[in-house]
Amino acid sequence: AANSIAVTVSGGHLEGLGSANGRVPHGTGLEVRLMGEVGK
């Protein structure tokens, strides 16, 4: 949420997500949903 807000209000677009610093496969579609919902 914090990252999505900071980028969006500054004129940027959102791409991701590398959860757990991309080190292990601990990412899901749910946090990506939040990225999209917060940005929009």
Full PDB file with SEQRES, HELIX, SHEET, SSBOND, CRYST1, ORIGX, SCALE, CONECT and MASTER records, all heavy atoms in Angstrom:
SEQRES   1 A   40  ALA ALA ASN SER ILE ALA VAL THR VAL SER GLY GLY HIS          
SEQRES   2 A   40  LEU GLU GLY LEU GLY SER ALA ASN GLY ARG VAL PRO HIS          
SEQRES   3 A   40  GLY THR GLY LEU GLU VAL ARG LEU MET GLY GLU VAL GLY          
SEQRES   4 A   40  LYS                                                          
HELIX    1 AA1 ALA A    2  THR A    8  1                                   7    
HELIX    2 AA2 SER A   19  GLY A   22  5                                   4    
HELIX    3 AA3 GLY A   29  GLY A   39  1                                  11    
CRYST1    1.000    1.000    1.000  90.00  90.00  90.00 P 1           1          
ORIGX1      1.000000  0.000000  0.000000        0.00000                         
ORIGX2      0.000000  1.000000  0.000000        0.00000                         
ORIGX3      0.000000  0.000000  1.000000        0.00000                         
SCALE1      1.000000  0.000000  0.000000        0.00000                         
SCALE2      0.000000  1.000000  0.000000        0.00000                         
SCALE3      0.000000  0.000000  1.000000        0.00000                         
ATOM      1  N   ALA A   1       0.826  -1.205   0.000  1.00  0.00           N  
ATOM      2  CA  ALA A   1       0.000   0.000   0.000  1.00  0.00           C  
ATOM      3  C   ALA A   1       0.862   1.257   0.000  1.00  0.00           C  
ATOM      4  O   ALA A   1       0.624   2.192  -0.781  1.00  0.00           O  
ATOM      5  CB  ALA A   1      -0.933  -0.006   1.210  1.00  0.00           C  
ATOM      6  N   ALA A   2       1.874   1.298   0.844  1.00  0.00           N  
ATOM      7  CA  ALA A   2       2.735   2.478   0.927  1.00  0.00           C  
ATOM      8  C   ALA A   2       3.444   2.733  -0.398  1.00  0.00           C  
ATOM      9  O   ALA A   2       3.472   3.867  -0.901  1.00  0.00           O  
ATOM     10  CB  ALA A   2       3.760   2.297   2.050  1.00  0.00           C  
ATOM     11  N   ASN A   3       4.006   1.690  -0.983  1.00  0.00           N  
ATOM     12  CA  ASN A   3       4.734   1.834  -2.248  1.00  0.00           C  
ATOM     13  C   ASN A   3       3.799   2.252  -3.378  1.00  0.00           C  
ATOM     14  O   ASN A   3       4.130   3.112  -4.209  1.00  0.00           O  
ATOM     15  CB  ASN A   3       5.425   0.521  -2.580  1.00  0.00           C  
ATOM     16  CG  ASN A   3       6.734   0.683  -3.327  1.00  0.00           C  
ATOM     17  OD1 ASN A   3       7.574  -0.211  -3.338  1.00  0.00           O  
ATOM     18  ND2 ASN A   3       6.937   1.814  -3.989  1.00  0.00           N  
ATOM     19  N   SER A   4       2.612   1.672  -3.414  1.00  0.00           N  
ATOM     20  CA  SER A   4       1.639   1.991  -4.466  1.00  0.00           C  
ATOM     21  C   SER A   4       1.197   3.439  -4.375  1.00  0.00           C  
ATOM     22  O   SER A   4       1.051   4.126  -5.404  1.00  0.00           O  
ATOM     23  CB  SER A   4       0.427   1.064  -4.355  1.00  0.00           C  
ATOM     24  OG  SER A   4       0.793  -0.289  -4.498  1.00  0.00           O  
ATOM     25  N   ILE A   5       0.974   3.917  -3.171  1.00  0.00           N  
ATOM     26  CA  ILE A   5       0.548   5.306  -2.991  1.00  0.00           C  
ATOM     27  C   ILE A   5       1.643   6.268  -3.438  1.00  0.00           C  
ATOM     28  O   ILE A   5       1.400   7.212  -4.204  1.00  0.00           O  
ATOM     29  CB  ILE A   5       0.185   5.569  -1.519  1.00  0.00           C  
ATOM     30  CG1 ILE A   5      -1.053   4.770  -1.099  1.00  0.00           C  
ATOM     31  CG2 ILE A   5      -0.059   7.064  -1.272  1.00  0.00           C  
ATOM     32  CD1 ILE A   5      -1.294   4.742   0.392  1.00  0.00           C  
ATOM     33  N   ALA A   6       2.858   6.036  -2.973  1.00  0.00           N  
ATOM     34  CA  ALA A   6       3.964   6.949  -3.267  1.00  0.00           C  
ATOM     35  C   ALA A   6       4.208   7.069  -4.766  1.00  0.00           C  
ATOM     36  O   ALA A   6       4.454   8.170  -5.288  1.00  0.00           O  
ATOM     37  CB  ALA A   6       5.236   6.475  -2.561  1.00  0.00           C  
ATOM     38  N   VAL A   7       4.127   5.966  -5.477  1.00  0.00           N  
ATOM     39  CA  VAL A   7       4.370   5.983  -6.920  1.00  0.00           C  
ATOM     40  C   VAL A   7       3.224   6.654  -7.671  1.00  0.00           C  
ATOM     41  O   VAL A   7       3.436   7.514  -8.534  1.00  0.00           O  
ATOM     42  CB  VAL A   7       4.580   4.544  -7.441  1.00  0.00           C  
ATOM     43  CG1 VAL A   7       4.589   4.513  -8.963  1.00  0.00           C  
ATOM     44  CG2 VAL A   7       5.876   3.967  -6.886  1.00  0.00           C  
ATOM     45  N   THR A   8       1.997   6.283  -7.339  1.00  0.00           N  
ATOM     46  CA  THR A   8       0.843   6.747  -8.105  1.00  0.00           C  
ATOM     47  C   THR A   8       0.664   8.259  -8.017  1.00  0.00           C  
ATOM     48  O   THR A   8       0.451   8.924  -9.039  1.00  0.00           O  
ATOM     49  CB  THR A   8      -0.435   6.038  -7.631  1.00  0.00           C  
ATOM     50  OG1 THR A   8      -0.268   4.619  -7.761  1.00  0.00           O  
ATOM     51  CG2 THR A   8      -1.635   6.481  -8.449  1.00  0.00           C  
ATOM     52  N   VAL A   9       0.752   8.822  -6.806  1.00  0.00           N  
ATOM     53  CA  VAL A   9       0.528  10.272  -6.676  1.00  0.00           C  
ATOM     54  C   VAL A   9       1.678  11.073  -7.267  1.00  0.00           C  
ATOM     55  O   VAL A   9       1.563  12.294  -7.429  1.00  0.00           O  
ATOM     56  CB  VAL A   9       0.316  10.685  -5.205  1.00  0.00           C  
ATOM     57  CG1 VAL A   9      -0.879   9.954  -4.613  1.00  0.00           C  
ATOM     58  CG2 VAL A   9       1.567  10.450  -4.364  1.00  0.00           C  
ATOM     59  N   SER A  10       2.770  10.404  -7.630  1.00  0.00           N  
ATOM     60  CA  SER A  10       3.924  11.091  -8.209  1.00  0.00           C  
ATOM     61  C   SER A  10       3.961  10.992  -9.731  1.00  0.00           C  
ATOM     62  O   SER A  10       4.901  11.474 -10.363  1.00  0.00           O  
ATOM     63  CB  SER A  10       5.217  10.508  -7.621  1.00  0.00           C  
ATOM     64  OG  SER A  10       5.226  10.612  -6.211  1.00  0.00           O  
ATOM     65  N   GLY A  11       2.943  10.347 -10.316  1.00  0.00           N  
ATOM     66  CA  GLY A  11       2.871  10.257 -11.766  1.00  0.00           C  
ATOM     67  C   GLY A  11       3.451   8.997 -12.351  1.00  0.00           C  
ATOM     68  O   GLY A  11       3.603   8.886 -13.573  1.00  0.00           O  
ATOM     69  N   GLY A  12       3.778   8.009 -11.501  1.00  0.00           N  
ATOM     70  CA  GLY A  12       4.350   6.763 -11.990  1.00  0.00           C  
ATOM     71  C   GLY A  12       3.310   5.675 -12.180  1.00  0.00           C  
ATOM     72  O   GLY A  12       2.134   5.849 -11.842  1.00  0.00           O  
ATOM     73  N   HIS A  13       3.748   4.563 -12.734  1.00  0.00           N  
ATOM     74  CA  HIS A  13       2.905   3.391 -12.929  1.00  0.00           C  
ATOM     75  C   HIS A  13       3.428   2.260 -12.044  1.00  0.00           C  
ATOM     76  O   HIS A  13       4.571   2.294 -11.590  1.00  0.00           O  
ATOM     77  CB  HIS A  13       2.905   2.964 -14.393  1.00  0.00           C  
ATOM     78  CG  HIS A  13       2.411   4.025 -15.324  1.00  0.00           C  
ATOM     79  ND1 HIS A  13       1.102   4.139 -15.715  1.00  0.00           N  
ATOM     80  CD2 HIS A  13       3.074   5.056 -15.926  1.00  0.00           C  
ATOM     81  CE1 HIS A  13       0.962   5.169 -16.525  1.00  0.00           C  
ATOM     82  NE2 HIS A  13       2.143   5.749 -16.668  1.00  0.00           N  
ATOM     83  N   LEU A  14       2.588   1.242 -11.814  1.00  0.00           N  
ATOM     84  CA  LEU A  14       2.907   0.188 -10.859  1.00  0.00           C  
ATOM     85  C   LEU A  14       3.217  -1.128 -11.555  1.00  0.00           C  
ATOM     86  O   LEU A  14       2.505  -1.539 -12.479  1.00  0.00           O  
ATOM     87  CB  LEU A  14       1.739  -0.006  -9.890  1.00  0.00           C  
ATOM     88  CG  LEU A  14       1.362   1.232  -9.067  1.00  0.00           C  
ATOM     89  CD1 LEU A  14       0.038   0.998  -8.337  1.00  0.00           C  
ATOM     90  CD2 LEU A  14       2.464   1.567  -8.069  1.00  0.00           C  
ATOM     91  N   GLU A  15       4.264  -1.796 -11.110  1.00  0.00           N  
ATOM     92  CA  GLU A  15       4.644  -3.105 -11.645  1.00  0.00           C  
ATOM     93  C   GLU A  15       5.148  -3.965 -10.496  1.00  0.00           C  
ATOM     94  O   GLU A  15       5.815  -3.494  -9.591  1.00  0.00           O  
ATOM     95  CB  GLU A  15       5.743  -2.944 -12.705  1.00  0.00           C  
ATOM     96  CG  GLU A  15       6.007  -4.181 -13.544  1.00  0.00           C  
ATOM     97  CD  GLU A  15       7.124  -5.060 -13.006  1.00  0.00           C  
ATOM     98  OE1 GLU A  15       7.876  -4.604 -12.127  1.00  0.00           O  
ATOM     99  OE2 GLU A  15       7.241  -6.209 -13.464  1.00  0.00           O  
ATOM    100  N   GLY A  16       4.800  -5.214 -10.551  1.00  0.00           N  
ATOM    101  CA  GLY A  16       5.285  -6.082  -9.485  1.00  0.00           C  
ATOM    102  C   GLY A  16       4.519  -7.390  -9.484  1.00  0.00           C  
ATOM    103  O   GLY A  16       3.766  -7.651 -10.411  1.00  0.00           O  
ATOM    104  N   LEU A  17       4.766  -8.188  -8.527  1.00  0.00           N  
ATOM    105  CA  LEU A  17       5.307  -7.824  -7.236  1.00  0.00           C  
ATOM    106  C   LEU A  17       6.336  -8.852  -6.830  1.00  0.00           C  
ATOM    107  O   LEU A  17       6.103 -10.050  -6.993  1.00  0.00           O  
ATOM    108  CB  LEU A  17       4.148  -7.838  -6.233  1.00  0.00           C  
ATOM    109  CG  LEU A  17       3.854  -6.644  -5.354  1.00  0.00           C  
ATOM    110  CD1 LEU A  17       2.370  -6.403  -5.283  1.00  0.00           C  
ATOM    111  CD2 LEU A  17       4.382  -6.931  -3.978  1.00  0.00           C  
ATOM    112  N   GLY A  18       7.470  -8.400  -6.306  1.00  0.00           N  
ATOM    113  CA  GLY A  18       8.506  -9.304  -5.858  1.00  0.00           C  
ATOM    114  C   GLY A  18       8.459  -9.493  -4.356  1.00  0.00           C  
ATOM    115  O   GLY A  18       9.363  -9.044  -3.634  1.00  0.00           O  
ATOM    116  N   SER A  19       7.409 -10.154  -3.869  1.00  0.00           N  
ATOM    117  CA  SER A  19       7.253 -10.353  -2.428  1.00  0.00           C  
ATOM    118  C   SER A  19       8.448 -11.102  -1.847  1.00  0.00           C  
ATOM    119  O   SER A  19       9.099 -11.891  -2.527  1.00  0.00           O  
ATOM    120  CB  SER A  19       5.969 -11.129  -2.143  1.00  0.00           C  
ATOM    121  OG  SER A  19       4.843 -10.417  -2.639  1.00  0.00           O  
ATOM    122  N   ALA A  20       8.734 -10.846  -0.576  1.00  0.00           N  
ATOM    123  CA  ALA A  20       9.878 -11.454   0.124  1.00  0.00           C  
ATOM    124  C   ALA A  20      11.181 -11.166  -0.609  1.00  0.00           C  
ATOM    125  O   ALA A  20      12.080 -12.004  -0.680  1.00  0.00           O  
ATOM    126  CB  ALA A  20       9.670 -12.955   0.312  1.00  0.00           C  
ATOM    127  N   ASN A  21      11.266  -9.951  -1.164  1.00  0.00           N  
ATOM    128  CA  ASN A  21      12.454  -9.523  -1.917  1.00  0.00           C  
ATOM    129  C   ASN A  21      12.796 -10.460  -3.072  1.00  0.00           C  
ATOM    130  O   ASN A  21      13.940 -10.535  -3.509  1.00  0.00           O  
ATOM    131  CB  ASN A  21      13.667  -9.379  -0.995  1.00  0.00           C  
ATOM    132  CG  ASN A  21      13.612  -8.101  -0.179  1.00  0.00           C  
ATOM    133  OD1 ASN A  21      13.072  -7.094  -0.624  1.00  0.00           O  
ATOM    134  ND2 ASN A  21      14.156  -8.130   1.022  1.00  0.00           N  
ATOM    135  N   GLY A  22      11.801 -11.193  -3.564  1.00  0.00           N  
ATOM    136  CA  GLY A  22      12.015 -12.074  -4.695  1.00  0.00           C  
ATOM    137  C   GLY A  22      12.910 -13.268  -4.412  1.00  0.00           C  
ATOM    138  O   GLY A  22      13.322 -13.980  -5.337  1.00  0.00           O  
ATOM    139  N   ARG A  23      13.204 -13.525  -3.135  1.00  0.00           N  
ATOM    140  CA  ARG A  23      14.162 -14.592  -2.793  1.00  0.00           C  
ATOM    141  C   ARG A  23      13.527 -15.970  -2.755  1.00  0.00           C  
ATOM    142  O   ARG A  23      14.186 -16.975  -3.012  1.00  0.00           O  
ATOM    143  CB  ARG A  23      14.809 -14.285  -1.439  1.00  0.00           C  
ATOM    144  CG  ARG A  23      15.731 -13.079  -1.439  1.00  0.00           C  
ATOM    145  CD  ARG A  23      16.301 -12.793  -0.062  1.00  0.00           C  
ATOM    146  NE  ARG A  23      15.280 -12.299   0.856  1.00  0.00           N  
ATOM    147  CZ  ARG A  23      14.845 -12.955   1.910  1.00  0.00           C  
ATOM    148  NH1 ARG A  23      15.333 -14.134   2.192  1.00  0.00           N  
ATOM    149  NH2 ARG A  23      13.918 -12.443   2.702  1.00  0.00           N  
ATOM    150  N   VAL A  24      12.246 -16.025  -2.416  1.00  0.00           N  
ATOM    151  CA  VAL A  24      11.533 -17.301  -2.294  1.00  0.00           C  
ATOM    152  C   VAL A  24      10.141 -17.125  -2.916  1.00  0.00           C  
ATOM    153  O   VAL A  24       9.629 -16.009  -3.005  1.00  0.00           O  
ATOM    154  CB  VAL A  24      11.394 -17.733  -0.809  1.00  0.00           C  
ATOM    155  CG1 VAL A  24      12.724 -18.211  -0.265  1.00  0.00           C  
ATOM    156  CG2 VAL A  24      10.855 -16.588   0.056  1.00  0.00           C  
ATOM    157  N   PRO A  25       9.497 -18.223  -3.360  1.00  0.00           N  
ATOM    158  CA  PRO A  25       8.189 -18.117  -4.013  1.00  0.00           C  
ATOM    159  C   PRO A  25       7.048 -17.914  -3.022  1.00  0.00           C  
ATOM    160  O   PRO A  25       6.130 -18.731  -2.924  1.00  0.00           O  
ATOM    161  CB  PRO A  25       8.068 -19.455  -4.759  1.00  0.00           C  
ATOM    162  CG  PRO A  25       8.857 -20.402  -3.924  1.00  0.00           C  
ATOM    163  CD  PRO A  25      10.011 -19.614  -3.376  1.00  0.00           C  
ATOM    164  N   HIS A  26       7.102 -16.797  -2.292  1.00  0.00           N  
ATOM    165  CA  HIS A  26       6.102 -16.498  -1.269  1.00  0.00           C  
ATOM    166  C   HIS A  26       5.215 -15.337  -1.697  1.00  0.00           C  
ATOM    167  O   HIS A  26       4.775 -14.532  -0.871  1.00  0.00           O  
ATOM    168  CB  HIS A  26       6.783 -16.176   0.071  1.00  0.00           C  
ATOM    169  CG  HIS A  26       7.443 -17.354   0.709  1.00  0.00           C  
ATOM    170  ND1 HIS A  26       7.915 -17.332   2.001  1.00  0.00           N  
ATOM    171  CD2 HIS A  26       7.705 -18.602   0.251  1.00  0.00           C  
ATOM    172  CE1 HIS A  26       8.445 -18.509   2.297  1.00  0.00           C  
ATOM    173  NE2 HIS A  26       8.332 -19.288   1.245  1.00  0.00           N  
ATOM    174  N   GLY A  27       4.967 -15.228  -3.003  1.00  0.00           N  
ATOM    175  CA  GLY A  27       4.087 -14.196  -3.516  1.00  0.00           C  
ATOM    176  C   GLY A  27       2.786 -14.794  -4.024  1.00  0.00           C  
ATOM    177  O   GLY A  27       2.726 -15.969  -4.413  1.00  0.00           O  
ATOM    178  N   THR A  28       1.715 -13.977  -4.046  1.00  0.00           N  
ATOM    179  CA  THR A  28       0.394 -14.433  -4.493  1.00  0.00           C  
ATOM    180  C   THR A  28      -0.298 -13.312  -5.260  1.00  0.00           C  
ATOM    181  O   THR A  28       0.153 -12.165  -5.274  1.00  0.00           O  
ATOM    182  CB  THR A  28      -0.495 -14.827  -3.291  1.00  0.00           C  
ATOM    183  OG1 THR A  28      -0.946 -13.635  -2.617  1.00  0.00           O  
ATOM    184  CG2 THR A  28       0.245 -15.702  -2.292  1.00  0.00           C  
ATOM    185  N   GLY A  29      -1.421 -13.663  -5.842  1.00  0.00           N  
ATOM    186  CA  GLY A  29      -2.204 -12.662  -6.555  1.00  0.00           C  
ATOM    187  C   GLY A  29      -2.898 -11.675  -5.651  1.00  0.00           C  
ATOM    188  O   GLY A  29      -3.289 -10.586  -6.090  1.00  0.00           O  
ATOM    189  N   LEU A  30      -3.048 -12.003  -4.354  1.00  0.00           N  
ATOM    190  CA  LEU A  30      -3.825 -11.137  -3.472  1.00  0.00           C  
ATOM    191  C   LEU A  30      -3.139  -9.806  -3.219  1.00  0.00           C  
ATOM    192  O   LEU A  30      -3.776  -8.751  -3.265  1.00  0.00           O  
ATOM    193  CB  LEU A  30      -4.099 -11.847  -2.140  1.00  0.00           C  
ATOM    194  CG  LEU A  30      -5.160 -11.173  -1.253  1.00  0.00           C  
ATOM    195  CD1 LEU A  30      -6.504 -11.112  -1.951  1.00  0.00           C  
ATOM    196  CD2 LEU A  30      -5.284 -11.882   0.087  1.00  0.00           C  
ATOM    197  N   GLU A  31      -1.822  -9.817  -2.963  1.00  0.00           N  
ATOM    198  CA  GLU A  31      -1.135  -8.545  -2.745  1.00  0.00           C  
ATOM    199  C   GLU A  31      -1.030  -7.742  -4.044  1.00  0.00           C  
ATOM    200  O   GLU A  31      -0.995  -6.507  -4.032  1.00  0.00           O  
ATOM    201  CB  GLU A  31       0.249  -8.755  -2.122  1.00  0.00           C  
ATOM    202  CG  GLU A  31       1.264  -9.487  -2.973  1.00  0.00           C  
ATOM    203  CD  GLU A  31       1.270 -10.985  -2.712  1.00  0.00           C  
ATOM    204  OE1 GLU A  31       0.257 -11.511  -2.196  1.00  0.00           O  
ATOM    205  OE2 GLU A  31       2.297 -11.620  -3.013  1.00  0.00           O  
ATOM    206  N   VAL A  32      -1.023  -8.456  -5.188  1.00  0.00           N  
ATOM    207  CA  VAL A  32      -1.046  -7.758  -6.472  1.00  0.00           C  
ATOM    208  C   VAL A  32      -2.395  -7.068  -6.663  1.00  0.00           C  
ATOM    209  O   VAL A  32      -2.478  -5.967  -7.208  1.00  0.00           O  
ATOM    210  CB  VAL A  32      -0.752  -8.735  -7.624  1.00  0.00           C  
ATOM    211  CG1 VAL A  32      -0.724  -7.998  -8.958  1.00  0.00           C  
ATOM    212  CG2 VAL A  32       0.575  -9.444  -7.406  1.00  0.00           C  
ATOM    213  N   ARG A  33      -3.465  -7.726  -6.195  1.00  0.00           N  
ATOM    214  CA  ARG A  33      -4.783  -7.094  -6.228  1.00  0.00           C  
ATOM    215  C   ARG A  33      -4.778  -5.794  -5.435  1.00  0.00           C  
ATOM    216  O   ARG A  33      -5.309  -4.776  -5.894  1.00  0.00           O  
ATOM    217  CB  ARG A  33      -5.844  -8.039  -5.657  1.00  0.00           C  
ATOM    218  CG  ARG A  33      -7.259  -7.459  -5.673  1.00  0.00           C  
ATOM    219  CD  ARG A  33      -8.211  -8.250  -4.779  1.00  0.00           C  
ATOM    220  NE  ARG A  33      -8.251  -9.672  -5.137  1.00  0.00           N  
ATOM    221  CZ  ARG A  33      -8.926 -10.586  -4.447  1.00  0.00           C  
ATOM    222  NH1 ARG A  33      -9.606 -10.241  -3.361  1.00  0.00           N  
ATOM    223  NH2 ARG A  33      -8.897 -11.852  -4.822  1.00  0.00           N  
ATOM    224  N   LEU A  34      -4.146  -5.821  -4.261  1.00  0.00           N  
ATOM    225  CA  LEU A  34      -4.112  -4.617  -3.440  1.00  0.00           C  
ATOM    226  C   LEU A  34      -3.330  -3.502  -4.147  1.00  0.00           C  
ATOM    227  O   LEU A  34      -3.732  -2.338  -4.112  1.00  0.00           O  
ATOM    228  CB  LEU A  34      -3.476  -4.909  -2.082  1.00  0.00           C  
ATOM    229  CG  LEU A  34      -3.510  -3.742  -1.091  1.00  0.00           C  
ATOM    230  CD1 LEU A  34      -4.948  -3.429  -0.680  1.00  0.00           C  
ATOM    231  CD2 LEU A  34      -2.659  -4.029   0.138  1.00  0.00           C  
ATOM    232  N   MET A  35      -2.223  -3.856  -4.781  1.00  0.00           N  
ATOM    233  CA  MET A  35      -1.464  -2.866  -5.547  1.00  0.00           C  
ATOM    234  C   MET A  35      -2.364  -2.174  -6.561  1.00  0.00           C  
ATOM    235  O   MET A  35      -2.400  -0.941  -6.657  1.00  0.00           O  
ATOM    236  CB  MET A  35      -0.295  -3.536  -6.263  1.00  0.00           C  
ATOM    237  CG  MET A  35       0.504  -2.613  -7.168  1.00  0.00           C  
ATOM    238  SD  MET A  35       1.744  -3.480  -8.186  1.00  0.00           S  
ATOM    239  CE  MET A  35       0.673  -4.292  -9.397  1.00  0.00           C  
ATOM    240  N   GLY A  36      -3.123  -2.970  -7.331  1.00  0.00           N  
ATOM    241  CA  GLY A  36      -4.009  -2.400  -8.336  1.00  0.00           C  
ATOM    242  C   GLY A  36      -5.128  -1.581  -7.735  1.00  0.00           C  
ATOM    243  O   GLY A  36      -5.448  -0.478  -8.223  1.00  0.00           O  
ATOM    244  N   GLU A  37      -5.724  -2.084  -6.660  1.00  0.00           N  
ATOM    245  CA  GLU A  37      -6.845  -1.366  -6.045  1.00  0.00           C  
ATOM    246  C   GLU A  37      -6.402  -0.041  -5.434  1.00  0.00           C  
ATOM    247  O   GLU A  37      -7.082   0.983  -5.582  1.00  0.00           O  
ATOM    248  CB  GLU A  37      -7.501  -2.244  -4.981  1.00  0.00           C  
ATOM    249  CG  GLU A  37      -8.323  -3.383  -5.546  1.00  0.00           C  
ATOM    250  CD  GLU A  37      -9.309  -3.940  -4.533  1.00  0.00           C  
ATOM    251  OE1 GLU A  37      -8.865  -4.503  -3.520  1.00  0.00           O  
ATOM    252  OE2 GLU A  37     -10.520  -3.797  -4.766  1.00  0.00           O  
ATOM    253  N   VAL A  38      -5.255  -0.043  -4.760  1.00  0.00           N  
ATOM    254  CA  VAL A  38      -4.758   1.192  -4.146  1.00  0.00           C  
ATOM    255  C   VAL A  38      -4.383   2.200  -5.226  1.00  0.00           C  
ATOM    256  O   VAL A  38      -4.753   3.387  -5.147  1.00  0.00           O  
ATOM    257  CB  VAL A  38      -3.551   0.904  -3.232  1.00  0.00           C  
ATOM    258  CG1 VAL A  38      -2.877   2.202  -2.804  1.00  0.00           C  
ATOM    259  CG2 VAL A  38      -3.996   0.122  -2.002  1.00  0.00           C  
ATOM    260  N   GLY A  39      -3.667   1.758  -6.245  1.00  0.00           N  
ATOM    261  CA  GLY A  39      -3.262   2.667  -7.306  1.00  0.00           C  
ATOM    262  C   GLY A  39      -4.447   3.309  -7.998  1.00  0.00           C  
ATOM    263  O   GLY A  39      -4.492   4.537  -8.203  1.00  0.00           O  
ATOM    264  N   LYS A  40      -5.434   2.500  -8.374  1.00  0.00           N  
ATOM    265  CA  LYS A  40      -6.618   3.025  -9.047  1.00  0.00           C  
ATOM    266  C   LYS A  40      -7.395   3.987  -8.140  1.00  0.00           C  
ATOM    267  O   LYS A  40      -7.901   5.010  -8.601  1.00  0.00           O  
ATOM    268  CB  LYS A  40      -7.527   1.873  -9.469  1.00  0.00           C  
ATOM    269  CG  LYS A  40      -6.930   0.914 -10.483  1.00  0.00           C  
ATOM    270  CD  LYS A  40      -6.938   1.484 -11.871  1.00  0.00           C  
ATOM    271  CE  LYS A  40      -6.505   0.424 -12.895  1.00  0.00           C  
ATOM    272  NZ  LYS A  40      -6.474   0.948 -14.272  1.00  0.00           N  
TER     273      LYS A  40                                                      
MASTER        0    0    0    3    0    0    0    6  272    1    0    4          
END                                                                             
